Amino acid sequence: MVENLNLVDYPLHGAKFTWTNGGSLNQIDRFLATADWDNVFPQAKELAIARKVSDHRVVILDCTKFRKRSIPFRFEVMWFENSELLTLIENWWSSFHFTGSASYIWWNKIKSLKYKLRTWNQKVFGRVDQLIQAKTEEINFIDLEEENRQLSDEEEVTDEEEITKHVVDFFQRIFFVNQPLTI
């Protein structure tokens, strides 16, 4: 039917299957496009994202070319677990000295504070984004391994318990400031 309608069925990247139910693995989630669409977006890719809770993988149609962007600044809630944070912010803010208009001074203080907070975050908590990415890749690897060979129920339970143990341990180390996570 796809060929009869002259539709493009993009190949799936990142997994062989998009849905699992017990021992059944299928690619039931997909994007179909017209030839005109494919001519406008020839670099389009269908990407399967690691499944977290559902029996379906999220499937994304990526139509963009890679462009490197700066990482936006995010104030992390976990920082408030550190009792020194507010004092550090006050000390840093008062140590910044700029001359110019009020908006220029404020803008440069904010930029300087952002730099200080990023440096402090890496020192105290480590590279949380990399640790989360590593655990996500580990989970994705196990999902792909399951797709490539059927695991027994015992293996699935063992792997799930092991994953749960690692995830719980990871987040406990992040959120308990007495034992900050470092790389």
N, C-alpha and C. Protein backbone atom coordinates (compact mmCIF):
# COMPACT_ATOMS: atom_id res chain seq x y z
N MET A 1 0.82 -1.19 0.00
CA MET A 1 0.00 0.00 0.00
C MET A 1 0.87 1.26 0.00
N VAL A 2 1.96 1.24 0.76
CA VAL A 2 2.86 2.39 0.82
C VAL A 2 3.40 2.70 -0.57
N GLU A 3 3.81 1.67 -1.30
CA GLU A 3 4.34 1.87 -2.65
C GLU A 3 3.25 2.34 -3.61
N ASN A 4 2.05 1.80 -3.47
CA ASN A 4 0.94 2.20 -4.35
C ASN A 4 0.60 3.68 -4.20
N LEU A 5 0.79 4.22 -3.00
CA LEU A 5 0.50 5.63 -2.75
C LEU A 5 1.71 6.52 -2.98
N ASN A 6 2.83 5.93 -3.43
CA ASN A 6 4.08 6.66 -3.66
C ASN A 6 4.55 7.40 -2.41
N LEU A 7 4.52 6.71 -1.28
CA LEU A 7 4.97 7.29 -0.02
C LEU A 7 6.38 6.81 0.30
N VAL A 8 7.11 7.64 1.01
CA VAL A 8 8.46 7.30 1.46
C VAL A 8 8.35 6.80 2.89
N ASP A 9 8.88 5.61 3.14
CA ASP A 9 8.92 5.03 4.49
C ASP A 9 10.37 5.13 4.95
N TYR A 10 10.64 6.08 5.83
CA TYR A 10 12.01 6.33 6.26
C TYR A 10 12.56 5.16 7.07
N PRO A 11 13.84 4.83 6.88
CA PRO A 11 14.42 3.77 7.70
C PRO A 11 14.57 4.25 9.14
N LEU A 12 14.42 3.32 10.06
CA LEU A 12 14.49 3.63 11.49
C LEU A 12 15.94 3.57 11.96
N HIS A 13 16.39 4.61 12.66
CA HIS A 13 17.74 4.65 13.24
C HIS A 13 17.61 4.55 14.76
N GLY A 14 18.52 3.82 15.39
CA GLY A 14 18.55 3.74 16.84
C GLY A 14 17.90 2.50 17.41
N ALA A 15 17.17 1.75 16.61
CA ALA A 15 16.53 0.52 17.06
C ALA A 15 15.99 -0.22 15.84
N LYS A 16 15.74 -1.51 16.01
CA LYS A 16 15.13 -2.28 14.93
C LYS A 16 13.61 -2.27 15.05
N PHE A 17 13.12 -2.13 16.29
CA PHE A 17 11.69 -2.23 16.55
C PHE A 17 11.21 -1.04 17.37
N THR A 18 9.93 -0.70 17.26
CA THR A 18 9.37 0.43 18.01
C THR A 18 8.39 -0.01 19.09
N TRP A 19 8.02 -1.28 19.11
CA TRP A 19 7.02 -1.76 20.06
C TRP A 19 7.39 -3.15 20.53
N THR A 20 7.18 -3.40 21.81
CA THR A 20 7.41 -4.72 22.37
C THR A 20 6.26 -5.07 23.30
N ASN A 21 5.89 -6.33 23.27
CA ASN A 21 4.86 -6.83 24.17
C ASN A 21 5.20 -8.27 24.47
N GLY A 22 5.82 -8.49 25.62
CA GLY A 22 6.27 -9.83 25.94
C GLY A 22 7.38 -10.23 24.99
N GLY A 23 7.16 -11.31 24.24
CA GLY A 23 8.18 -11.78 23.30
C GLY A 23 8.02 -11.21 21.91
N SER A 24 7.00 -10.41 21.68
CA SER A 24 6.72 -9.86 20.35
C SER A 24 7.42 -8.52 20.16
N LEU A 25 8.15 -8.39 19.05
CA LEU A 25 8.84 -7.15 18.71
C LEU A 25 8.41 -6.74 17.31
N ASN A 26 7.95 -5.49 17.13
CA ASN A 26 7.48 -5.02 15.83
C ASN A 26 7.85 -3.57 15.61
N GLN A 27 7.88 -3.17 14.33
CA GLN A 27 8.03 -1.76 13.99
C GLN A 27 6.68 -1.27 13.50
N ILE A 28 5.82 -0.89 14.47
CA ILE A 28 4.48 -0.45 14.09
C ILE A 28 4.36 1.07 14.07
N ASP A 29 5.31 1.76 14.68
CA ASP A 29 5.29 3.23 14.71
C ASP A 29 6.26 3.73 13.64
N ARG A 30 5.79 4.64 12.78
CA ARG A 30 6.64 5.12 11.69
C ARG A 30 6.09 6.41 11.11
N PHE A 31 6.92 7.05 10.31
CA PHE A 31 6.51 8.23 9.55
C PHE A 31 6.45 7.85 8.08
N LEU A 32 5.44 8.33 7.40
CA LEU A 32 5.34 8.18 5.95
C LEU A 32 5.28 9.58 5.36
N ALA A 33 5.94 9.79 4.22
CA ALA A 33 5.97 11.12 3.61
C ALA A 33 5.77 10.99 2.11
N THR A 34 5.31 12.08 1.53
CA THR A 34 5.18 12.12 0.07
C THR A 34 6.54 12.38 -0.54
N ALA A 35 6.65 12.13 -1.83
CA ALA A 35 7.91 12.38 -2.54
C ALA A 35 8.24 13.87 -2.52
N ASP A 36 7.20 14.72 -2.59
CA ASP A 36 7.43 16.17 -2.52
C ASP A 36 8.07 16.56 -1.19
N TRP A 37 7.56 16.00 -0.10
CA TRP A 37 8.12 16.26 1.23
C TRP A 37 9.58 15.81 1.27
N ASP A 38 9.83 14.61 0.75
CA ASP A 38 11.19 14.06 0.77
C ASP A 38 12.15 14.92 -0.06
N ASN A 39 11.66 15.55 -1.12
CA ASN A 39 12.51 16.44 -1.92
C ASN A 39 12.86 17.72 -1.16
N VAL A 40 11.94 18.20 -0.33
CA VAL A 40 12.19 19.41 0.46
C VAL A 40 13.12 19.10 1.64
N PHE A 41 12.95 17.92 2.24
CA PHE A 41 13.74 17.52 3.41
C PHE A 41 14.50 16.22 3.12
N PRO A 42 15.49 16.25 2.23
CA PRO A 42 16.18 15.01 1.86
C PRO A 42 17.03 14.42 2.99
N GLN A 43 17.38 15.23 3.98
CA GLN A 43 18.21 14.75 5.08
C GLN A 43 17.38 14.20 6.24
N ALA A 44 16.05 14.09 6.07
CA ALA A 44 15.17 13.63 7.15
C ALA A 44 15.58 12.23 7.61
N LYS A 45 15.52 12.03 8.93
CA LYS A 45 15.84 10.74 9.54
C LYS A 45 14.76 10.40 10.56
N GLU A 46 14.44 9.14 10.65
CA GLU A 46 13.51 8.65 11.66
C GLU A 46 14.35 8.09 12.81
N LEU A 47 14.20 8.66 14.00
CA LEU A 47 15.02 8.27 15.14
C LEU A 47 14.16 7.63 16.22
N ALA A 48 14.58 6.47 16.71
CA ALA A 48 13.90 5.81 17.81
C ALA A 48 14.61 6.19 19.11
N ILE A 49 13.84 6.68 20.06
CA ILE A 49 14.37 7.10 21.35
C ILE A 49 14.17 5.97 22.35
N ALA A 50 15.09 5.83 23.28
CA ALA A 50 14.98 4.77 24.29
C ALA A 50 13.65 4.87 25.01
N ARG A 51 12.99 3.71 25.17
CA ARG A 51 11.70 3.73 25.86
C ARG A 51 11.94 3.77 27.36
N LYS A 52 11.14 4.56 28.05
CA LYS A 52 11.31 4.71 29.49
C LYS A 52 10.26 3.89 30.23
N VAL A 53 9.00 4.10 29.93
CA VAL A 53 7.92 3.46 30.67
C VAL A 53 7.03 2.65 29.74
N SER A 54 6.73 3.20 28.60
CA SER A 54 5.78 2.61 27.67
C SER A 54 6.37 1.39 26.97
N ASP A 55 5.50 0.61 26.33
CA ASP A 55 5.97 -0.49 25.50
C ASP A 55 6.29 -0.01 24.08
N HIS A 56 6.06 1.28 23.82
CA HIS A 56 6.40 1.90 22.54
C HIS A 56 7.62 2.80 22.71
N ARG A 57 8.47 2.82 21.71
CA ARG A 57 9.55 3.81 21.67
C ARG A 57 8.98 5.10 21.08
N VAL A 58 9.50 6.22 21.52
CA VAL A 58 9.15 7.49 20.88
C VAL A 58 9.92 7.52 19.56
N VAL A 59 9.23 7.88 18.49
CA VAL A 59 9.87 7.97 17.17
C VAL A 59 9.79 9.43 16.73
N ILE A 60 10.95 9.97 16.37
CA ILE A 60 11.04 11.38 15.98
C ILE A 60 11.49 11.45 14.52
N LEU A 61 10.86 12.34 13.78
CA LEU A 61 11.31 12.61 12.42
C LEU A 61 12.19 13.85 12.48
N ASP A 62 13.48 13.65 12.33
CA ASP A 62 14.45 14.74 12.42
C ASP A 62 14.71 15.28 11.02
N CYS A 63 14.29 16.52 10.79
CA CYS A 63 14.43 17.14 9.46
C CYS A 63 15.50 18.22 9.44
N THR A 64 16.26 18.35 10.50
CA THR A 64 17.23 19.44 10.59
C THR A 64 18.64 18.94 10.37
N LYS A 65 19.47 19.83 9.89
CA LYS A 65 20.89 19.55 9.83
C LYS A 65 21.48 19.91 11.18
N PHE A 66 22.53 19.23 11.55
CA PHE A 66 23.15 19.48 12.86
C PHE A 66 23.76 20.86 12.90
N ARG A 67 23.37 21.63 13.90
CA ARG A 67 23.97 22.93 14.15
C ARG A 67 24.37 22.98 15.61
N LYS A 68 25.62 23.28 15.85
CA LYS A 68 26.09 23.36 17.23
C LYS A 68 25.59 24.65 17.86
N ARG A 69 24.97 24.52 19.03
CA ARG A 69 24.47 25.69 19.75
C ARG A 69 25.09 25.71 21.14
N SER A 70 25.10 26.87 21.73
CA SER A 70 25.58 26.94 23.10
C SER A 70 24.51 26.34 24.02
N ILE A 71 24.95 25.74 25.08
CA ILE A 71 24.05 25.09 26.03
C ILE A 71 23.38 26.17 26.87
N PRO A 72 22.05 26.17 26.94
CA PRO A 72 21.38 27.20 27.75
C PRO A 72 21.66 26.97 29.24
N PHE A 73 21.70 28.06 29.97
CA PHE A 73 21.93 27.97 31.41
C PHE A 73 20.65 27.53 32.10
N ARG A 74 20.79 26.58 33.01
CA ARG A 74 19.65 26.11 33.79
C ARG A 74 20.03 26.12 35.26
N PHE A 75 19.18 26.74 36.05
CA PHE A 75 19.37 26.73 37.49
C PHE A 75 18.76 25.45 38.01
N GLU A 76 19.55 24.59 38.63
CA GLU A 76 19.10 23.28 39.06
C GLU A 76 18.53 23.32 40.48
N VAL A 77 17.38 22.71 40.67
CA VAL A 77 16.73 22.67 41.98
C VAL A 77 17.62 21.95 42.99
N MET A 78 18.36 20.94 42.55
CA MET A 78 19.21 20.18 43.47
C MET A 78 20.27 21.06 44.13
N TRP A 79 20.59 22.21 43.53
CA TRP A 79 21.59 23.09 44.12
C TRP A 79 21.16 23.58 45.50
N PHE A 80 19.86 23.72 45.72
CA PHE A 80 19.37 24.21 47.01
C PHE A 80 19.63 23.22 48.14
N GLU A 81 19.96 21.97 47.81
CA GLU A 81 20.31 21.00 48.83
C GLU A 81 21.65 21.35 49.49
N ASN A 82 22.44 22.16 48.82
CA ASN A 82 23.73 22.58 49.37
C ASN A 82 23.52 23.83 50.21
N SER A 83 23.80 23.73 51.48
CA SER A 83 23.54 24.84 52.42
C SER A 83 24.40 26.08 52.15
N GLU A 84 25.49 25.93 51.42
CA GLU A 84 26.39 27.05 51.15
C GLU A 84 25.96 27.90 49.95
N LEU A 85 25.00 27.43 49.18
CA LEU A 85 24.67 28.07 47.90
C LEU A 85 24.32 29.55 48.03
N LEU A 86 23.38 29.89 48.89
CA LEU A 86 22.93 31.29 48.98
C LEU A 86 24.06 32.21 49.42
N THR A 87 24.87 31.75 50.36
CA THR A 87 26.02 32.55 50.80
C THR A 87 27.01 32.74 49.66
N LEU A 88 27.26 31.69 48.91
CA LEU A 88 28.17 31.79 47.76
C LEU A 88 27.65 32.79 46.74
N ILE A 89 26.35 32.73 46.43
CA ILE A 89 25.77 33.65 45.46
C ILE A 89 25.91 35.09 45.93
N GLU A 90 25.61 35.33 47.21
CA GLU A 90 25.75 36.69 47.76
C GLU A 90 27.19 37.18 47.66
N ASN A 91 28.15 36.33 48.02
CA ASN A 91 29.57 36.70 47.97
C ASN A 91 30.03 36.95 46.54
N TRP A 92 29.64 36.06 45.63
CA TRP A 92 30.03 36.25 44.24
C TRP A 92 29.45 37.55 43.69
N TRP A 93 28.15 37.78 43.94
CA TRP A 93 27.46 38.96 43.41
C TRP A 93 28.15 40.24 43.88
N SER A 94 28.50 40.29 45.16
CA SER A 94 29.12 41.51 45.69
C SER A 94 30.58 41.65 45.24
N SER A 95 31.19 40.56 44.78
CA SER A 95 32.59 40.64 44.33
C SER A 95 32.72 41.12 42.88
N PHE A 96 31.63 41.11 42.12
CA PHE A 96 31.67 41.55 40.72
C PHE A 96 31.63 43.08 40.67
N HIS A 97 32.57 43.67 39.94
CA HIS A 97 32.61 45.13 39.81
C HIS A 97 32.71 45.51 38.33
N PHE A 98 31.70 46.22 37.86
CA PHE A 98 31.66 46.70 36.48
C PHE A 98 31.26 48.16 36.49
N THR A 99 31.66 48.89 35.47
CA THR A 99 31.24 50.28 35.35
C THR A 99 30.42 50.43 34.08
N GLY A 100 29.49 51.35 34.12
CA GLY A 100 28.61 51.59 32.98
C GLY A 100 27.19 51.81 33.47
N SER A 101 26.25 51.68 32.56
CA SER A 101 24.84 51.88 32.94
C SER A 101 24.38 50.75 33.86
N ALA A 102 23.28 50.98 34.54
CA ALA A 102 22.74 49.98 35.47
C ALA A 102 22.45 48.66 34.75
N SER A 103 21.89 48.75 33.55
CA SER A 103 21.57 47.51 32.81
C SER A 103 22.84 46.79 32.37
N TYR A 104 23.89 47.54 31.99
CA TYR A 104 25.15 46.94 31.60
C TYR A 104 25.79 46.23 32.80
N ILE A 105 25.78 46.88 33.96
CA ILE A 105 26.35 46.28 35.18
C ILE A 105 25.58 45.02 35.54
N TRP A 106 24.24 45.12 35.53
CA TRP A 106 23.40 43.97 35.89
C TRP A 106 23.66 42.81 34.93
N TRP A 107 23.68 43.08 33.62
CA TRP A 107 23.88 42.05 32.62
C TRP A 107 25.22 41.34 32.82
N ASN A 108 26.28 42.08 33.07
CA ASN A 108 27.60 41.48 33.26
C ASN A 108 27.69 40.71 34.57
N LYS A 109 26.99 41.18 35.60
CA LYS A 109 26.96 40.42 36.86
C LYS A 109 26.24 39.08 36.66
N ILE A 110 25.14 39.11 35.91
CA ILE A 110 24.40 37.87 35.62
C ILE A 110 25.29 36.89 34.84
N LYS A 111 25.99 37.39 33.82
CA LYS A 111 26.89 36.54 33.03
C LYS A 111 27.99 35.95 33.92
N SER A 112 28.55 36.76 34.80
CA SER A 112 29.61 36.29 35.69
C SER A 112 29.08 35.27 36.68
N LEU A 113 27.88 35.52 37.19
CA LEU A 113 27.26 34.59 38.14
C LEU A 113 26.98 33.25 37.45
N LYS A 114 26.52 33.29 36.23
CA LYS A 114 26.26 32.07 35.46
C LYS A 114 27.54 31.24 35.35
N TYR A 115 28.65 31.89 35.02
CA TYR A 115 29.93 31.19 34.91
C TYR A 115 30.32 30.57 36.25
N LYS A 116 30.19 31.34 37.35
CA LYS A 116 30.54 30.84 38.68
C LYS A 116 29.69 29.64 39.06
N LEU A 117 28.36 29.72 38.78
CA LEU A 117 27.46 28.62 39.13
C LEU A 117 27.77 27.36 38.32
N ARG A 118 28.08 27.52 37.04
CA ARG A 118 28.43 26.34 36.23
C ARG A 118 29.70 25.67 36.75
N THR A 119 30.70 26.48 37.08
CA THR A 119 31.95 25.94 37.61
C THR A 119 31.71 25.25 38.95
N TRP A 120 30.95 25.90 39.83
CA TRP A 120 30.63 25.34 41.14
C TRP A 120 29.84 24.03 40.98
N ASN A 121 28.88 24.01 40.07
CA ASN A 121 28.06 22.81 39.85
C ASN A 121 28.93 21.63 39.45
N GLN A 122 29.87 21.84 38.53
CA GLN A 122 30.73 20.74 38.10
C GLN A 122 31.63 20.27 39.23
N LYS A 123 32.09 21.19 40.06
CA LYS A 123 32.96 20.84 41.17
C LYS A 123 32.20 20.05 42.24
N VAL A 124 30.98 20.49 42.55
CA VAL A 124 30.21 19.87 43.64
C VAL A 124 29.43 18.64 43.18
N PHE A 125 28.77 18.72 42.03
CA PHE A 125 27.89 17.65 41.59
C PHE A 125 28.45 16.84 40.43
N GLY A 126 29.51 17.29 39.80
CA GLY A 126 30.04 16.58 38.64
C GLY A 126 29.25 16.91 37.39
N ARG A 127 29.51 16.20 36.33
CA ARG A 127 28.82 16.40 35.05
C ARG A 127 27.56 15.54 35.04
N VAL A 128 26.50 16.05 35.65
CA VAL A 128 25.24 15.32 35.78
C VAL A 128 24.68 14.95 34.41
N ASP A 129 24.77 15.86 33.45
CA ASP A 129 24.24 15.58 32.12
C ASP A 129 24.93 14.38 31.49
N GLN A 130 26.24 14.25 31.68
CA GLN A 130 26.96 13.12 31.13
C GLN A 130 26.60 11.82 31.85
N LEU A 131 26.40 11.91 33.17
CA LEU A 131 26.03 10.72 33.92
C LEU A 131 24.63 10.23 33.53
N ILE A 132 23.70 11.16 33.36
CA ILE A 132 22.35 10.79 32.93
C ILE A 132 22.42 10.20 31.52
N GLN A 133 23.20 10.81 30.65
CA GLN A 133 23.35 10.31 29.28
C GLN A 133 23.94 8.90 29.29
N ALA A 134 24.93 8.65 30.14
CA ALA A 134 25.55 7.33 30.21
C ALA A 134 24.55 6.28 30.66
N LYS A 135 23.74 6.60 31.66
CA LYS A 135 22.72 5.65 32.14
C LYS A 135 21.65 5.44 31.08
N THR A 136 21.26 6.49 30.37
CA THR A 136 20.27 6.35 29.30
C THR A 136 20.82 5.45 28.20
N GLU A 137 22.08 5.62 27.85
CA GLU A 137 22.70 4.77 26.83
C GLU A 137 22.78 3.33 27.30
N GLU A 138 23.04 3.12 28.59
CA GLU A 138 23.09 1.77 29.14
C GLU A 138 21.72 1.09 29.04
N ILE A 139 20.67 1.84 29.36
CA ILE A 139 19.30 1.31 29.25
C ILE A 139 18.98 1.02 27.79
N ASN A 140 19.35 1.93 26.90
CA ASN A 140 19.11 1.74 25.47
C ASN A 140 19.86 0.52 24.95
N PHE A 141 21.09 0.31 25.41
CA PHE A 141 21.87 -0.85 25.00
C PHE A 141 21.17 -2.14 25.40
N ILE A 142 20.63 -2.18 26.60
CA ILE A 142 19.92 -3.38 27.07
C ILE A 142 18.66 -3.59 26.24
N ASP A 143 17.95 -2.51 25.91
CA ASP A 143 16.77 -2.63 25.04
C ASP A 143 17.16 -3.19 23.68
N LEU A 144 18.25 -2.67 23.11
CA LEU A 144 18.69 -3.16 21.80
C LEU A 144 19.15 -4.62 21.88
N GLU A 145 19.80 -4.98 22.98
CA GLU A 145 20.22 -6.36 23.18
C GLU A 145 19.00 -7.28 23.24
N GLU A 146 17.95 -6.82 23.89
CA GLU A 146 16.72 -7.60 23.97
C GLU A 146 16.11 -7.77 22.58
N GLU A 147 16.19 -6.73 21.76
CA GLU A 147 15.66 -6.83 20.40
C GLU A 147 16.45 -7.82 19.56
N ASN A 148 17.76 -7.88 19.78
CA ASN A 148 18.61 -8.76 18.98
C ASN A 148 18.54 -10.22 19.39
N ARG A 149 18.20 -10.48 20.61
CA ARG A 149 18.02 -11.86 21.06
C ARG A 149 16.94 -11.86 22.12
N GLN A 150 16.16 -12.88 22.12
CA GLN A 150 15.08 -12.98 23.10
C GLN A 150 15.69 -13.36 24.45
N LEU A 151 15.49 -12.51 25.46
CA LEU A 151 15.98 -12.79 26.80
C LEU A 151 14.95 -13.64 27.54
N SER A 152 15.44 -14.50 28.41
CA SER A 152 14.51 -15.28 29.23
C SER A 152 13.92 -14.36 30.29
N ASP A 153 12.81 -14.80 30.92
CA ASP A 153 12.19 -14.01 31.97
C ASP A 153 13.16 -13.75 33.12
N GLU A 154 13.99 -14.74 33.44
CA GLU A 154 14.95 -14.56 34.54
C GLU A 154 15.96 -13.46 34.20
N GLU A 155 16.46 -13.44 32.97
CA GLU A 155 17.40 -12.40 32.56
C GLU A 155 16.75 -11.03 32.60
N GLU A 156 15.51 -10.94 32.13
CA GLU A 156 14.82 -9.65 32.13
C GLU A 156 14.65 -9.12 33.54
N VAL A 157 14.24 -9.95 34.47
CA VAL A 157 14.04 -9.51 35.86
C VAL A 157 15.38 -9.09 36.45
N THR A 158 16.41 -9.88 36.23
CA THR A 158 17.73 -9.55 36.77
C THR A 158 18.22 -8.23 36.20
N ASP A 159 18.10 -8.06 34.89
CA ASP A 159 18.55 -6.80 34.29
C ASP A 159 17.74 -5.63 34.80
N GLU A 160 16.44 -5.78 34.94
CA GLU A 160 15.59 -4.69 35.42
C GLU A 160 15.96 -4.31 36.85
N GLU A 161 16.19 -5.32 37.68
CA GLU A 161 16.60 -5.03 39.06
C GLU A 161 17.95 -4.33 39.09
N GLU A 162 18.86 -4.76 38.23
CA GLU A 162 20.18 -4.14 38.18
C GLU A 162 20.06 -2.69 37.71
N ILE A 163 19.24 -2.45 36.70
CA ILE A 163 19.03 -1.09 36.21
C ILE A 163 18.43 -0.24 37.32
N THR A 164 17.42 -0.76 37.99
CA THR A 164 16.77 -0.02 39.08
C THR A 164 17.79 0.33 40.16
N LYS A 165 18.63 -0.63 40.52
CA LYS A 165 19.65 -0.38 41.54
C LYS A 165 20.58 0.75 41.11
N HIS A 166 21.04 0.73 39.86
CA HIS A 166 21.94 1.78 39.37
C HIS A 166 21.25 3.14 39.33
N VAL A 167 20.01 3.17 38.87
CA VAL A 167 19.29 4.44 38.77
C VAL A 167 19.05 5.03 40.16
N VAL A 168 18.60 4.20 41.11
CA VAL A 168 18.36 4.68 42.48
C VAL A 168 19.66 5.18 43.10
N ASP A 169 20.73 4.41 42.94
CA ASP A 169 22.03 4.81 43.48
C ASP A 169 22.50 6.12 42.86
N PHE A 170 22.33 6.26 41.56
CA PHE A 170 22.73 7.47 40.86
C PHE A 170 22.02 8.70 41.42
N PHE A 171 20.68 8.63 41.53
CA PHE A 171 19.93 9.79 42.00
C PHE A 171 20.15 10.05 43.49
N GLN A 172 20.40 9.02 44.27
CA GLN A 172 20.71 9.26 45.68
C GLN A 172 22.02 10.03 45.80
N ARG A 173 22.99 9.70 44.99
CA ARG A 173 24.27 10.41 45.04
C ARG A 173 24.13 11.84 44.56
N ILE A 174 23.22 12.08 43.62
CA ILE A 174 23.02 13.45 43.14
C ILE A 174 22.38 14.30 44.22
N PHE A 175 21.36 13.78 44.86
CA PHE A 175 20.53 14.61 45.74
C PHE A 175 20.99 14.63 47.18
N PHE A 176 21.94 13.81 47.57
CA PHE A 176 22.47 13.88 48.92
C PHE A 176 23.80 14.61 48.87
N VAL A 177 23.78 15.86 49.31
CA VAL A 177 24.93 16.75 49.18
C VAL A 177 26.09 16.30 50.05
N ASN A 178 25.81 15.57 51.15
CA ASN A 178 26.89 15.12 52.02
C ASN A 178 27.87 14.21 51.27
N GLN A 179 27.37 13.58 50.21
CA GLN A 179 28.21 12.71 49.40
C GLN A 179 28.07 13.14 47.94
N PRO A 180 28.60 14.30 47.56
CA PRO A 180 28.39 14.79 46.20
C PRO A 180 29.00 13.85 45.17
N LEU A 181 28.34 13.79 44.04
CA LEU A 181 28.76 12.96 42.94
C LEU A 181 29.82 13.68 42.12
N THR A 182 30.94 13.03 41.88
CA THR A 182 31.99 13.62 41.05
C THR A 182 32.43 12.60 40.02
N ILE A 183 33.00 13.12 38.95
CA ILE A 183 33.50 12.22 37.89
C ILE A 183 35.01 12.19 37.98
